[in-house]
Amino acid sequence: MVLSPLVITQLEQRLQKLIDDCHAIDAAVVTTIDGHMQAMKQRNKDYPLERLATMGSTLMSLGDTITAELEMGTCDNIISENKDGLVAFMHINNEMVLVTLGQEKSLGMLLSHSRRCAGDISKMV
């Protein structure tokens, strides 16, 4: 999937709005399902977002496989709860994944803002 520079700019603006609107989110990445980063934004910390894009797409693919094997429908999101925060992976559409992370353990805030952002992005692409 190749996005135009205008769409990439719009994605970056939407990711910045996500981070500005939700204090629980420190970084956000839009990646293709095959691991190619399309856009990223982060607050202050220097996370390895390129690697996160690749891992996020792989993890979503694994989630899709697991839920298909168990006949549980589609995999909407995957949450990694860690000692120092949260990472959420969710489908934007069949070709793209949104990855959000934060050091604060506010799962509800992170998920609700991320879902809204993923919905907005799905309309853009």
PDB file of N, CA and C in Angstrom:
ATOM      1  N   MET A   1       0.835  -1.173   0.000  1.00  0.00           N
ATOM      2  CA  MET A   1       0.000   0.000   0.000  1.00  0.00           C
ATOM      3  C   MET A   1       0.888   1.248   0.000  1.00  0.00           C
ATOM      4  N   VAL A   2       0.681   2.109  -0.960  1.00  0.00           N
ATOM      5  CA  VAL A   2       1.448   3.350  -1.061  1.00  0.00           C
ATOM      6  C   VAL A   2       0.491   4.521  -0.842  1.00  0.00           C
ATOM      7  N   LEU A   3       0.796   5.336   0.145  1.00  0.00           N
ATOM      8  CA  LEU A   3      -0.032   6.496   0.448  1.00  0.00           C
ATOM      9  C   LEU A   3       0.609   7.758  -0.103  1.00  0.00           C
ATOM     10  N   SER A   4      -0.205   8.696  -0.484  1.00  0.00           N
ATOM     11  CA  SER A   4       0.307   9.970  -0.999  1.00  0.00           C
ATOM     12  C   SER A   4       0.891  10.784   0.151  1.00  0.00           C
ATOM     13  N   PRO A   5       1.793  11.717  -0.160  1.00  0.00           N
ATOM     14  CA  PRO A   5       2.349  12.588   0.883  1.00  0.00           C
ATOM     15  C   PRO A   5       1.260  13.365   1.634  1.00  0.00           C
ATOM     16  N   LEU A   6       0.191  13.742   0.949  1.00  0.00           N
ATOM     17  CA  LEU A   6      -0.907  14.459   1.594  1.00  0.00           C
ATOM     18  C   LEU A   6      -1.588  13.577   2.640  1.00  0.00           C
ATOM     19  N   VAL A   7      -1.847  12.332   2.304  1.00  0.00           N
ATOM     20  CA  VAL A   7      -2.491  11.416   3.250  1.00  0.00           C
ATOM     21  C   VAL A   7      -1.567  11.147   4.434  1.00  0.00           C
ATOM     22  N   ILE A   8      -0.283  10.997   4.190  1.00  0.00           N
ATOM     23  CA  ILE A   8       0.673  10.770   5.284  1.00  0.00           C
ATOM     24  C   ILE A   8       0.680  11.970   6.225  1.00  0.00           C
ATOM     25  N   THR A   9       0.646  13.176   5.681  1.00  0.00           N
ATOM     26  CA  THR A   9       0.582  14.385   6.507  1.00  0.00           C
ATOM     27  C   THR A   9      -0.692  14.393   7.339  1.00  0.00           C
ATOM     28  N   GLN A  10      -1.813  13.998   6.734  1.00  0.00           N
ATOM     29  CA  GLN A  10      -3.080  13.938   7.461  1.00  0.00           C
ATOM     30  C   GLN A  10      -3.023  12.885   8.574  1.00  0.00           C
ATOM     31  N   LEU A  11      -2.388  11.751   8.303  1.00  0.00           N
ATOM     32  CA  LEU A  11      -2.222  10.722   9.330  1.00  0.00           C
ATOM     33  C   LEU A  11      -1.394  11.254  10.495  1.00  0.00           C
ATOM     34  N   GLU A  12      -0.300  11.916  10.188  1.00  0.00           N
ATOM     35  CA  GLU A  12       0.558  12.474  11.239  1.00  0.00           C
ATOM     36  C   GLU A  12      -0.194  13.506  12.070  1.00  0.00           C
ATOM     37  N   GLN A  13      -1.009  14.335  11.425  1.00  0.00           N
ATOM     38  CA  GLN A  13      -1.800  15.329  12.155  1.00  0.00           C
ATOM     39  C   GLN A  13      -2.810  14.642  13.077  1.00  0.00           C
ATOM     40  N   ARG A  14      -3.424  13.571  12.598  1.00  0.00           N
ATOM     41  CA  ARG A  14      -4.407  12.859  13.429  1.00  0.00           C
ATOM     42  C   ARG A  14      -3.729  12.163  14.596  1.00  0.00           C
ATOM     43  N   LEU A  15      -2.542  11.613  14.373  1.00  0.00           N
ATOM     44  CA  LEU A  15      -1.800  10.990  15.470  1.00  0.00           C
ATOM     45  C   LEU A  15      -1.385  12.025  16.508  1.00  0.00           C
ATOM     46  N   GLN A  16      -0.991  13.212  16.053  1.00  0.00           N
ATOM     47  CA  GLN A  16      -0.628  14.281  16.982  1.00  0.00           C
ATOM     48  C   GLN A  16      -1.834  14.686  17.820  1.00  0.00           C
ATOM     49  N   LYS A  17      -3.008  14.778  17.189  1.00  0.00           N
ATOM     50  CA  LYS A  17      -4.238  15.095  17.917  1.00  0.00           C
ATOM     51  C   LYS A  17      -4.534  14.023  18.954  1.00  0.00           C
ATOM     52  N   LEU A  18      -4.327  12.767  18.595  1.00  0.00           N
ATOM     53  CA  LEU A  18      -4.531  11.664  19.528  1.00  0.00           C
ATOM     54  C   LEU A  18      -3.663  11.842  20.767  1.00  0.00           C
ATOM     55  N   ILE A  19      -2.401  12.133  20.568  1.00  0.00           N
ATOM     56  CA  ILE A  19      -1.466  12.306  21.687  1.00  0.00           C
ATOM     57  C   ILE A  19      -1.820  13.554  22.500  1.00  0.00           C
ATOM     58  N   ASP A  20      -2.209  14.618  21.819  1.00  0.00           N
ATOM     59  CA  ASP A  20      -2.581  15.852  22.513  1.00  0.00           C
ATOM     60  C   ASP A  20      -3.849  15.668  23.349  1.00  0.00           C
ATOM     61  N   ASP A  21      -4.810  14.887  22.829  1.00  0.00           N
ATOM     62  CA  ASP A  21      -6.101  14.717  23.489  1.00  0.00           C
ATOM     63  C   ASP A  21      -6.093  13.706  24.628  1.00  0.00           C
ATOM     64  N   CYS A  22      -5.150  12.790  24.612  1.00  0.00           N
ATOM     65  CA  CYS A  22      -5.147  11.707  25.601  1.00  0.00           C
ATOM     66  C   CYS A  22      -3.798  11.628  26.317  1.00  0.00           C
ATOM     67  N   HIS A  23      -3.789  12.040  27.565  1.00  0.00           N
ATOM     68  CA  HIS A  23      -2.537  12.023  28.326  1.00  0.00           C
ATOM     69  C   HIS A  23      -2.007  10.610  28.568  1.00  0.00           C
ATOM     70  N   ALA A  24      -2.851   9.596  28.389  1.00  0.00           N
ATOM     71  CA  ALA A  24      -2.428   8.207  28.599  1.00  0.00           C
ATOM     72  C   ALA A  24      -1.620   7.657  27.432  1.00  0.00           C
ATOM     73  N   ILE A  25      -1.591   8.382  26.304  1.00  0.00           N
ATOM     74  CA  ILE A  25      -0.884   7.894  25.116  1.00  0.00           C
ATOM     75  C   ILE A  25       0.384   8.707  24.907  1.00  0.00           C
ATOM     76  N   ASP A  26       1.509   8.010  24.862  1.00  0.00           N
ATOM     77  CA  ASP A  26       2.812   8.657  24.668  1.00  0.00           C
ATOM     78  C   ASP A  26       3.311   8.558  23.235  1.00  0.00           C
ATOM     79  N   ALA A  27       2.832   7.567  22.485  1.00  0.00           N
ATOM     80  CA  ALA A  27       3.276   7.393  21.100  1.00  0.00           C
ATOM     81  C   ALA A  27       2.214   6.636  20.324  1.00  0.00           C
ATOM     82  N   ALA A  28       2.196   6.885  19.015  1.00  0.00           N
ATOM     83  CA  ALA A  28       1.240   6.208  18.140  1.00  0.00           C
ATOM     84  C   ALA A  28       1.885   5.966  16.783  1.00  0.00           C
ATOM     85  N   VAL A  29       1.553   4.830  16.193  1.00  0.00           N
ATOM     86  CA  VAL A  29       2.124   4.413  14.913  1.00  0.00           C
ATOM     87  C   VAL A  29       1.008   3.876  14.026  1.00  0.00           C
ATOM     88  N   VAL A  30       1.040   4.245  12.756  1.00  0.00           N
ATOM     89  CA  VAL A  30       0.185   3.617  11.750  1.00  0.00           C
ATOM     90  C   VAL A  30       1.111   2.814  10.857  1.00  0.00           C
ATOM     91  N   THR A  31       0.819   1.519  10.747  1.00  0.00           N
ATOM     92  CA  THR A  31       1.647   0.619   9.953  1.00  0.00           C
ATOM     93  C   THR A  31       0.763  -0.212   9.033  1.00  0.00           C
ATOM     94  N   THR A  32       1.338  -0.663   7.955  1.00  0.00           N
ATOM     95  CA  THR A  32       0.606  -1.582   7.093  1.00  0.00           C
ATOM     96  C   THR A  32       0.619  -2.959   7.743  1.00  0.00           C
ATOM     97  N   ILE A  33      -0.258  -3.819   7.309  1.00  0.00           N
ATOM     98  CA  ILE A  33      -0.354  -5.161   7.875  1.00  0.00           C
ATOM     99  C   ILE A  33       0.928  -5.964   7.611  1.00  0.00           C
ATOM    100  N   ASP A  34       1.726  -5.529   6.623  1.00  0.00           N
ATOM    101  CA  ASP A  34       2.994  -6.219   6.373  1.00  0.00           C
ATOM    102  C   ASP A  34       4.190  -5.499   7.000  1.00  0.00           C
ATOM    103  N   GLY A  35       3.934  -4.546   7.900  1.00  0.00           N
ATOM    104  CA  GLY A  35       4.996  -3.982   8.730  1.00  0.00           C
ATOM    105  C   GLY A  35       5.674  -2.723   8.246  1.00  0.00           C
ATOM    106  N   HIS A  36       5.139  -2.048   7.242  1.00  0.00           N
ATOM    107  CA  HIS A  36       5.750  -0.807   6.752  1.00  0.00           C
ATOM    108  C   HIS A  36       5.105   0.401   7.433  1.00  0.00           C
ATOM    109  N   MET A  37       5.921   1.141   8.199  1.00  0.00           N
ATOM    110  CA  MET A  37       5.411   2.299   8.905  1.00  0.00           C
ATOM    111  C   MET A  37       4.931   3.357   7.916  1.00  0.00           C
ATOM    112  N   GLN A  38       3.755   3.898   8.187  1.00  0.00           N
ATOM    113  CA  GLN A  38       3.188   4.952   7.354  1.00  0.00           C
ATOM    114  C   GLN A  38       3.270   6.310   8.037  1.00  0.00           C
ATOM    115  N   ALA A  39       3.078   6.335   9.355  1.00  0.00           N
ATOM    116  CA  ALA A  39       3.123   7.591  10.114  1.00  0.00           C
ATOM    117  C   ALA A  39       3.394   7.271  11.575  1.00  0.00           C
ATOM    118  N   MET A  40       3.984   8.231  12.273  1.00  0.00           N
ATOM    119  CA  MET A  40       4.257   8.047  13.696  1.00  0.00           C
ATOM    120  C   MET A  40       4.325   9.399  14.386  1.00  0.00           C
ATOM    121  N   LYS A  41       3.996   9.411  15.641  1.00  0.00           N
ATOM    122  CA  LYS A  41       4.142  10.583  16.502  1.00  0.00           C
ATOM    123  C   LYS A  41       4.423  10.084  17.897  1.00  0.00           C
ATOM    124  N   GLN A  42       5.248  10.814  18.635  1.00  0.00           N
ATOM    125  CA  GLN A  42       5.480  10.478  20.026  1.00  0.00           C
ATOM    126  C   GLN A  42       5.670  11.739  20.845  1.00  0.00           C
ATOM    127  N   ARG A  43       5.342  11.636  22.112  1.00  0.00           N
ATOM    128  CA  ARG A  43       5.362  12.799  22.995  1.00  0.00           C
ATOM    129  C   ARG A  43       6.792  13.255  23.272  1.00  0.00           C
ATOM    130  N   ASN A  44       7.463  12.646  24.191  1.00  0.00           N
ATOM    131  CA  ASN A  44       8.804  13.115  24.570  1.00  0.00           C
ATOM    132  C   ASN A  44       9.863  12.029  24.560  1.00  0.00           C
ATOM    133  N   LYS A  45       9.446  10.806  24.764  1.00  0.00           N
ATOM    134  CA  LYS A  45      10.398   9.716  24.857  1.00  0.00           C
ATOM    135  C   LYS A  45      10.793   9.239  23.466  1.00  0.00           C
ATOM    136  N   ASP A  46      11.960   8.657  23.375  1.00  0.00           N
ATOM    137  CA  ASP A  46      12.450   8.173  22.086  1.00  0.00           C
ATOM    138  C   ASP A  46      12.254   6.664  21.989  1.00  0.00           C
ATOM    139  N   TYR A  47      11.037   6.247  21.632  1.00  0.00           N
ATOM    140  CA  TYR A  47      10.728   4.830  21.473  1.00  0.00           C
ATOM    141  C   TYR A  47      11.224   4.343  20.105  1.00  0.00           C
ATOM    142  N   PRO A  48      11.595   3.069  19.982  1.00  0.00           N
ATOM    143  CA  PRO A  48      12.000   2.498  18.681  1.00  0.00           C
ATOM    144  C   PRO A  48      10.767   2.172  17.833  1.00  0.00           C
ATOM    145  N   LEU A  49      10.147   3.197  17.283  1.00  0.00           N
ATOM    146  CA  LEU A  49       8.860   3.028  16.613  1.00  0.00           C
ATOM    147  C   LEU A  49       8.951   2.263  15.299  1.00  0.00           C
ATOM    148  N   GLU A  50      10.065   2.321  14.613  1.00  0.00           N
ATOM    149  CA  GLU A  50      10.218   1.531  13.381  1.00  0.00           C
ATOM    150  C   GLU A  50      10.076   0.042  13.693  1.00  0.00           C
ATOM    151  N   ARG A  51      10.732  -0.396  14.736  1.00  0.00           N
ATOM    152  CA  ARG A  51      10.656  -1.809  15.133  1.00  0.00           C
ATOM    153  C   ARG A  51       9.260  -2.147  15.635  1.00  0.00           C
ATOM    154  N   LEU A  52       8.643  -1.197  16.347  1.00  0.00           N
ATOM    155  CA  LEU A  52       7.296  -1.413  16.850  1.00  0.00           C
ATOM    156  C   LEU A  52       6.306  -1.612  15.706  1.00  0.00           C
ATOM    157  N   ALA A  53       6.500  -0.896  14.606  1.00  0.00           N
ATOM    158  CA  ALA A  53       5.618  -1.047  13.441  1.00  0.00           C
ATOM    159  C   ALA A  53       5.678  -2.473  12.906  1.00  0.00           C
ATOM    160  N   THR A  54       6.861  -3.010  12.795  1.00  0.00           N
ATOM    161  CA  THR A  54       7.028  -4.376  12.296  1.00  0.00           C
ATOM    162  C   THR A  54       6.446  -5.391  13.272  1.00  0.00           C
ATOM    163  N   MET A  55       6.756  -5.224  14.536  1.00  0.00           N
ATOM    164  CA  MET A  55       6.238  -6.164  15.539  1.00  0.00           C
ATOM    165  C   MET A  55       4.726  -6.076  15.652  1.00  0.00           C
ATOM    166  N   GLY A  56       4.181  -4.865  15.537  1.00  0.00           N
ATOM    167  CA  GLY A  56       2.736  -4.683  15.640  1.00  0.00           C
ATOM    168  C   GLY A  56       1.981  -5.408  14.554  1.00  0.00           C
ATOM    169  N   SER A  57       2.478  -5.317  13.351  1.00  0.00           N
ATOM    170  CA  SER A  57       1.798  -6.004  12.250  1.00  0.00           C
ATOM    171  C   SER A  57       1.888  -7.516  12.424  1.00  0.00           C
ATOM    172  N   THR A  58       3.022  -8.005  12.888  1.00  0.00           N
ATOM    173  CA  THR A  58       3.192  -9.434  13.127  1.00  0.00           C
ATOM    174  C   THR A  58       2.247  -9.914  14.229  1.00  0.00           C
ATOM    175  N   LEU A  59       2.144  -9.139  15.288  1.00  0.00           N
ATOM    176  CA  LEU A  59       1.278  -9.516  16.402  1.00  0.00           C
ATOM    177  C   LEU A  59      -0.194  -9.530  15.991  1.00  0.00           C
ATOM    178  N   MET A  60      -0.615  -8.552  15.193  1.00  0.00           N
ATOM    179  CA  MET A  60      -2.009  -8.525  14.726  1.00  0.00           C
ATOM    180  C   MET A  60      -2.294  -9.724  13.828  1.00  0.00           C
ATOM    181  N   SER A  61      -1.339 -10.090  13.002  1.00  0.00           N
ATOM    182  CA  SER A  61      -1.507 -11.262  12.144  1.00  0.00           C
ATOM    183  C   SER A  61      -1.666 -12.524  12.992  1.00  0.00           C
ATOM    184  N   LEU A  62      -0.870 -12.631  14.038  1.00  0.00           N
ATOM    185  CA  LEU A  62      -0.979 -13.773  14.945  1.00  0.00           C
ATOM    186  C   LEU A  62      -2.337 -13.772  15.639  1.00  0.00           C
ATOM    187  N   GLY A  63      -2.795 -12.616  16.085  1.00  0.00           N
ATOM    188  CA  GLY A  63      -4.113 -12.517  16.712  1.00  0.00           C
ATOM    189  C   GLY A  63      -5.217 -12.929  15.760  1.00  0.00           C
ATOM    190  N   ASP A  64      -5.107 -12.512  14.494  1.00  0.00           N
ATOM    191  CA  ASP A  64      -6.095 -12.905  13.486  1.00  0.00           C
ATOM    192  C   ASP A  64      -6.113 -14.422  13.302  1.00  0.00           C
ATOM    193  N   THR A  65      -4.935 -15.021  13.283  1.00  0.00           N
ATOM    194  CA  THR A  65      -4.828 -16.467  13.106  1.00  0.00           C
ATOM    195  C   THR A  65      -5.429 -17.214  14.299  1.00  0.00           C
ATOM    196  N   ILE A  66      -5.126 -16.733  15.492  1.00  0.00           N
ATOM    197  CA  ILE A  66      -5.646 -17.384  16.702  1.00  0.00           C
ATOM    198  C   ILE A  66      -7.169 -17.323  16.742  1.00  0.00           C
ATOM    199  N   THR A  67      -7.740 -16.146  16.518  1.00  0.00           N
ATOM    200  CA  THR A  67      -9.195 -16.029  16.603  1.00  0.00           C
ATOM    201  C   THR A  67      -9.889 -16.799  15.481  1.00  0.00           C
ATOM    202  N   ALA A  68      -9.261 -16.861  14.313  1.00  0.00           N
ATOM    203  CA  ALA A  68      -9.831 -17.657  13.220  1.00  0.00           C
ATOM    204  C   ALA A  68      -9.803 -19.143  13.571  1.00  0.00           C
ATOM    205  N   GLU A  69      -8.696 -19.591  14.121  1.00  0.00           N
ATOM    206  CA  GLU A  69      -8.559 -21.002  14.498  1.00  0.00           C
ATOM    207  C   GLU A  69      -9.580 -21.388  15.563  1.00  0.00           C
ATOM    208  N   LEU A  70      -9.853 -20.486  16.486  1.00  0.00           N
ATOM    209  CA  LEU A  70     -10.807 -20.757  17.559  1.00  0.00           C
ATOM    210  C   LEU A  70     -12.238 -20.425  17.162  1.00  0.00           C
ATOM    211  N   GLU A  71     -12.416 -19.969  15.931  1.00  0.00           N
ATOM    212  CA  GLU A  71     -13.732 -19.578  15.415  1.00  0.00           C
ATOM    213  C   GLU A  71     -14.404 -18.562  16.332  1.00  0.00           C
ATOM    214  N   MET A  72     -13.641 -17.521  16.697  1.00  0.00           N
ATOM    215  CA  MET A  72     -14.134 -16.479  17.593  1.00  0.00           C
ATOM    216  C   MET A  72     -14.342 -15.154  16.874  1.00  0.00           C
ATOM    217  N   GLY A  73     -14.447 -15.177  15.560  1.00  0.00           N
ATOM    218  CA  GLY A  73     -14.626 -13.931  14.815  1.00  0.00           C
ATOM    219  C   GLY A  73     -13.298 -13.266  14.524  1.00  0.00           C
ATOM    220  N   THR A  74     -13.345 -11.989  14.294  1.00  0.00           N
ATOM    221  CA  THR A  74     -12.117 -11.268  13.959  1.00  0.00           C
ATOM    222  C   THR A  74     -11.426 -10.754  15.213  1.00  0.00           C
ATOM    223  N   CYS A  75     -10.150 -10.560  15.117  1.00  0.00           N
ATOM    224  CA  CYS A  75      -9.359 -10.000  16.209  1.00  0.00           C
ATOM    225  C   CYS A  75      -9.439  -8.475  16.101  1.00  0.00           C
ATOM    226  N   ASP A  76     -10.075  -7.842  17.064  1.00  0.00           N
ATOM    227  CA  ASP A  76     -10.220  -6.389  17.023  1.00  0.00           C
ATOM    228  C   ASP A  76      -8.973  -5.684  17.531  1.00  0.00           C
ATOM    229  N   ASN A  77      -8.453  -6.143  18.667  1.00  0.00           N
ATOM    230  CA  ASN A  77      -7.235  -5.535  19.193  1.00  0.00           C
ATOM    231  C   ASN A  77      -6.503  -6.502  20.093  1.00  0.00           C
ATOM    232  N   ILE A  78      -5.254  -6.178  20.315  1.00  0.00           N
ATOM    233  CA  ILE A  78      -4.400  -6.950  21.216  1.00  0.00           C
ATOM    234  C   ILE A  78      -3.802  -5.957  22.199  1.00  0.00           C
ATOM    235  N   ILE A  79      -3.833  -6.313  23.467  1.00  0.00           N
ATOM    236  CA  ILE A  79      -3.335  -5.420  24.508  1.00  0.00           C
ATOM    237  C   ILE A  79      -2.181  -6.101  25.222  1.00  0.00           C
ATOM    238  N   SER A  80      -1.096  -5.375  25.355  1.00  0.00           N
ATOM    239  CA  SER A  80       0.046  -5.852  26.120  1.00  0.00           C
ATOM    240  C   SER A  80       0.159  -4.965  27.363  1.00  0.00           C
ATOM    241  N   GLU A  81      -0.163  -5.553  28.526  1.00  0.00           N
ATOM    242  CA  GLU A  81      -0.061  -4.813  29.779  1.00  0.00           C
ATOM    243  C   GLU A  81       1.276  -5.170  30.413  1.00  0.00           C
ATOM    244  N   ASN A  82       2.046  -4.156  30.711  1.00  0.00           N
ATOM    245  CA  ASN A  82       3.414  -4.344  31.169  1.00  0.00           C
ATOM    246  C   ASN A  82       3.628  -3.674  32.521  1.00  0.00           C
ATOM    247  N   LYS A  83       4.745  -3.932  33.131  1.00  0.00           N
ATOM    248  CA  LYS A  83       5.086  -3.317  34.415  1.00  0.00           C
ATOM    249  C   LYS A  83       5.037  -1.792  34.320  1.00  0.00           C
ATOM    250  N   ASP A  84       5.507  -1.249  33.220  1.00  0.00           N
ATOM    251  CA  ASP A  84       5.626   0.203  33.093  1.00  0.00           C
ATOM    252  C   ASP A  84       4.649   0.830  32.106  1.00  0.00           C
ATOM    253  N   GLY A  85       3.558   0.129  31.759  1.00  0.00           N
ATOM    254  CA  GLY A  85       2.593   0.752  30.865  1.00  0.00           C
ATOM    255  C   GLY A  85       1.820  -0.235  30.016  1.00  0.00           C
ATOM    256  N   LEU A  86       1.282   0.286  28.916  1.00  0.00           N
ATOM    257  CA  LEU A  86       0.412  -0.480  28.032  1.00  0.00           C
ATOM    258  C   LEU A  86       0.800  -0.265  26.578  1.00  0.00           C
ATOM    259  N   VAL A  87       0.559  -1.281  25.770  1.00  0.00           N
ATOM    260  CA  VAL A  87       0.682  -1.159  24.324  1.00  0.00           C
ATOM    261  C   VAL A  87      -0.579  -1.800  23.739  1.00  0.00           C
ATOM    262  N   ALA A  88      -1.259  -1.072  22.844  1.00  0.00           N
ATOM    263  CA  ALA A  88      -2.462  -1.600  22.199  1.00  0.00           C
ATOM    264  C   ALA A  88      -2.249  -1.641  20.698  1.00  0.00           C
ATOM    265  N   PHE A  89      -2.664  -2.736  20.099  1.00  0.00           N
ATOM    266  CA  PHE A  89      -2.583  -2.948  18.659  1.00  0.00           C
ATOM    267  C   PHE A  89      -4.007  -3.138  18.162  1.00  0.00           C
ATOM    268  N   MET A  90      -4.420  -2.392  17.138  1.00  0.00           N
ATOM    269  CA  MET A  90      -5.776  -2.579  16.617  1.00  0.00           C
ATOM    270  C   MET A  90      -5.828  -2.340  15.123  1.00  0.00           C
ATOM    271  N   HIS A  91      -6.719  -3.077  14.487  1.00  0.00           N
ATOM    272  CA  HIS A  91      -6.923  -2.916  13.054  1.00  0.00           C
ATOM    273  C   HIS A  91      -7.566  -1.565  12.769  1.00  0.00           C
ATOM    274  N   ILE A  92      -7.059  -0.893  11.750  1.00  0.00           N
ATOM    275  CA  ILE A  92      -7.720   0.284  11.194  1.00  0.00           C
ATOM    276  C   ILE A  92      -8.660  -0.194  10.099  1.00  0.00           C
ATOM    277  N   ASN A  93      -8.145  -1.071   9.267  1.00  0.00           N
ATOM    278  CA  ASN A  93      -8.905  -1.738   8.203  1.00  0.00           C
ATOM    279  C   ASN A  93      -8.169  -3.041   7.899  1.00  0.00           C
ATOM    280  N   ASN A  94      -8.435  -3.668   6.775  1.00  0.00           N
ATOM    281  CA  ASN A  94      -7.778  -4.942   6.450  1.00  0.00           C
ATOM    282  C   ASN A  94      -6.306  -4.789   6.104  1.00  0.00           C
ATOM    283  N   GLU A  95      -5.857  -3.574   5.856  1.00  0.00           N
ATOM    284  CA  GLU A  95      -4.479  -3.353   5.413  1.00  0.00           C
ATOM    285  C   GLU A  95      -3.618  -2.572   6.388  1.00  0.00           C
ATOM    286  N   MET A  96      -4.226  -1.995   7.439  1.00  0.00           N
ATOM    287  CA  MET A  96      -3.461  -1.120   8.326  1.00  0.00           C
ATOM    288  C   MET A  96      -3.757  -1.405   9.792  1.00  0.00           C
ATOM    289  N   VAL A  97      -2.753  -1.088  10.633  1.00  0.00           N
ATOM    290  CA  VAL A  97      -2.819  -1.313  12.075  1.00  0.00           C
ATOM    291  C   VAL A  97      -2.425  -0.016  12.784  1.00  0.00           C
ATOM    292  N   LEU A  98      -3.130   0.287  13.878  1.00  0.00           N
ATOM    293  CA  LEU A  98      -2.753   1.400  14.755  1.00  0.00           C
ATOM    294  C   LEU A  98      -2.139   0.811  16.013  1.00  0.00           C
ATOM    295  N   VAL A  99      -0.972   1.305  16.384  1.00  0.00           N
ATOM    296  CA  VAL A  99      -0.310   0.883  17.617  1.00  0.00           C
ATOM    297  C   VAL A  99      -0.196   2.113  18.503  1.00  0.00           C
ATOM    298  N   THR A 100      -0.688   2.005  19.743  1.00  0.00           N
ATOM    299  CA  THR A 100      -0.564   3.108  20.692  1.00  0.00           C
ATOM    300  C   THR A 100       0.081   2.589  21.965  1.00  0.00           C
ATOM    301  N   LEU A 101       0.846   3.446  22.625  1.00  0.00           N
ATOM    302  CA  LEU A 101       1.487   3.029  23.856  1.00  0.00           C
ATOM    303  C   LEU A 101       1.564   4.174  24.845  1.00  0.00           C
ATOM    304  N   GLY A 102       1.571   3.793  26.091  1.00  0.00           N
ATOM    305  CA  GLY A 102       1.674   4.782  27.149  1.00  0.00           C
ATOM    306  C   GLY A 102       2.246   4.186  28.403  1.00  0.00           C
ATOM    307  N   GLN A 103       2.867   5.021  29.204  1.00  0.00           N
ATOM    308  CA  GLN A 103       3.459   4.560  30.454  1.00  0.00           C
ATOM    309  C   GLN A 103       2.445   4.555  31.584  1.00  0.00           C
ATOM    310  N   GLU A 104       1.340   5.236  31.381  1.00  0.00           N
ATOM    311  CA  GLU A 104       0.280   5.280  32.373  1.00  0.00           C
ATOM    312  C   GLU A 104      -0.636   4.077  32.175  1.00  0.00           C
ATOM    313  N   LYS A 105      -1.162   3.534  33.261  1.00  0.00           N
ATOM    314  CA  LYS A 105      -2.039   2.364  33.138  1.00  0.00           C
ATOM    315  C   LYS A 105      -3.503   2.799  33.108  1.00  0.00           C
ATOM    316  N   SER A 106      -3.858   3.514  32.056  1.00  0.00           N
ATOM    317  CA  SER A 106      -5.239   3.953  31.847  1.00  0.00           C
ATOM    318  C   SER A 106      -5.774   3.260  30.604  1.00  0.00           C
ATOM    319  N   LEU A 107      -6.060   1.971  30.745  1.00  0.00           N
ATOM    320  CA  LEU A 107      -6.453   1.154  29.597  1.00  0.00           C
ATOM    321  C   LEU A 107      -7.706   1.683  28.915  1.00  0.00           C
ATOM    322  N   GLY A 108      -8.703   2.059  29.684  1.00  0.00           N
ATOM    323  CA  GLY A 108      -9.945   2.558  29.097  1.00  0.00           C
ATOM    324  C   GLY A 108      -9.722   3.799  28.249  1.00  0.00           C
ATOM    325  N   MET A 109      -8.956   4.736  28.776  1.00  0.00           N
ATOM    326  CA  MET A 109      -8.662   5.963  28.019  1.00  0.00           C
ATOM    327  C   MET A 109      -7.867   5.639  26.763  1.00  0.00           C
ATOM    328  N   LEU A 110      -6.843   4.818  26.897  1.00  0.00           N
ATOM    329  CA  LEU A 110      -6.007   4.472  25.755  1.00  0.00           C
ATOM    330  C   LEU A 110      -6.847   3.801  24.661  1.00  0.00           C
ATOM    331  N   LEU A 111      -7.693   2.853  25.041  1.00  0.00           N
ATOM    332  CA  LEU A 111      -8.492   2.140  24.049  1.00  0.00           C
ATOM    333  C   LEU A 111      -9.562   3.018  23.414  1.00  0.00           C
ATOM    334  N   SER A 112     -10.261   3.807  24.207  1.00  0.00           N
ATOM    335  CA  SER A 112     -11.343   4.610  23.625  1.00  0.00           C
ATOM    336  C   SER A 112     -10.798   5.661  22.670  1.00  0.00           C
ATOM    337  N   HIS A 113      -9.724   6.331  23.036  1.00  0.00           N
ATOM    338  CA  HIS A 113      -9.123   7.326  22.134  1.00  0.00           C
ATOM    339  C   HIS A 113      -8.524   6.656  20.899  1.00  0.00           C
ATOM    340  N   SER A 114      -7.910   5.489  21.093  1.00  0.00           N
ATOM    341  CA  SER A 114      -7.302   4.772  19.967  1.00  0.00           C
ATOM    342  C   SER A 114      -8.370   4.299  18.991  1.00  0.00           C
ATOM    343  N   ARG A 115      -9.476   3.795  19.505  1.00  0.00           N
ATOM    344  CA  ARG A 115     -10.562   3.334  18.624  1.00  0.00           C
ATOM    345  C   ARG A 115     -11.133   4.486  17.795  1.00  0.00           C
ATOM    346  N   ARG A 116     -11.319   5.623  18.435  1.00  0.00           N
ATOM    347  CA  ARG A 116     -11.830   6.795  17.722  1.00  0.00           C
ATOM    348  C   ARG A 116     -10.845   7.212  16.627  1.00  0.00           C
ATOM    349  N   CYS A 117      -9.567   7.205  16.954  1.00  0.00           N
ATOM    350  CA  CYS A 117      -8.534   7.569  15.982  1.00  0.00           C
ATOM    351  C   CYS A 117      -8.510   6.571  14.835  1.00  0.00           C
ATOM    352  N   ALA A 118      -8.582   5.282  15.128  1.00  0.00           N
ATOM    353  CA  ALA A 118      -8.573   4.257  14.080  1.00  0.00           C
ATOM    354  C   ALA A 118      -9.767   4.437  13.158  1.00  0.00           C
ATOM    355  N   GLY A 119     -10.913   4.775  13.712  1.00  0.00           N
ATOM    356  CA  GLY A 119     -12.093   5.027  12.898  1.00  0.00           C
ATOM    357  C   GLY A 119     -11.915   6.220  11.978  1.00  0.00           C
ATOM    358  N   ASP A 120     -11.323   7.294  12.516  1.00  0.00           N
ATOM    359  CA  ASP A 120     -11.052   8.479  11.694  1.00  0.00           C
ATOM    360  C   ASP A 120     -10.076   8.160  10.563  1.00  0.00           C
ATOM    361  N   ILE A 121      -9.030   7.410  10.897  1.00  0.00           N
ATOM    362  CA  ILE A 121      -8.016   7.064   9.908  1.00  0.00           C
ATOM    363  C   ILE A 121      -8.614   6.165   8.824  1.00  0.00           C
ATOM    364  N   SER A 122      -9.493   5.251   9.196  1.00  0.00           N
ATOM    365  CA  SER A 122     -10.086   4.360   8.198  1.00  0.00           C
ATOM    366  C   SER A 122     -10.860   5.156   7.148  1.00  0.00           C
ATOM    367  N   LYS A 123     -11.398   6.301   7.519  1.00  0.00           N
ATOM    368  CA  LYS A 123     -12.111   7.154   6.580  1.00  0.00           C
ATOM    369  C   LYS A 123     -11.147   7.924   5.664  1.00  0.00           C
ATOM    370  N   MET A 124      -9.909   8.127   6.135  1.00  0.00           N
ATOM    371  CA  MET A 124      -8.906   8.881   5.364  1.00  0.00           C
ATOM    372  C   MET A 124      -8.279   8.063   4.239  1.00  0.00           C
ATOM    373  N   VAL A 125      -8.090   6.764   4.518  1.00  0.00           N
ATOM    374  CA  VAL A 125      -7.319   5.925   3.578  1.00  0.00           C
ATOM    375  C   VAL A 125      -8.184   5.043   2.708  1.00  0.00           C
TER     376      VAL A 125
END
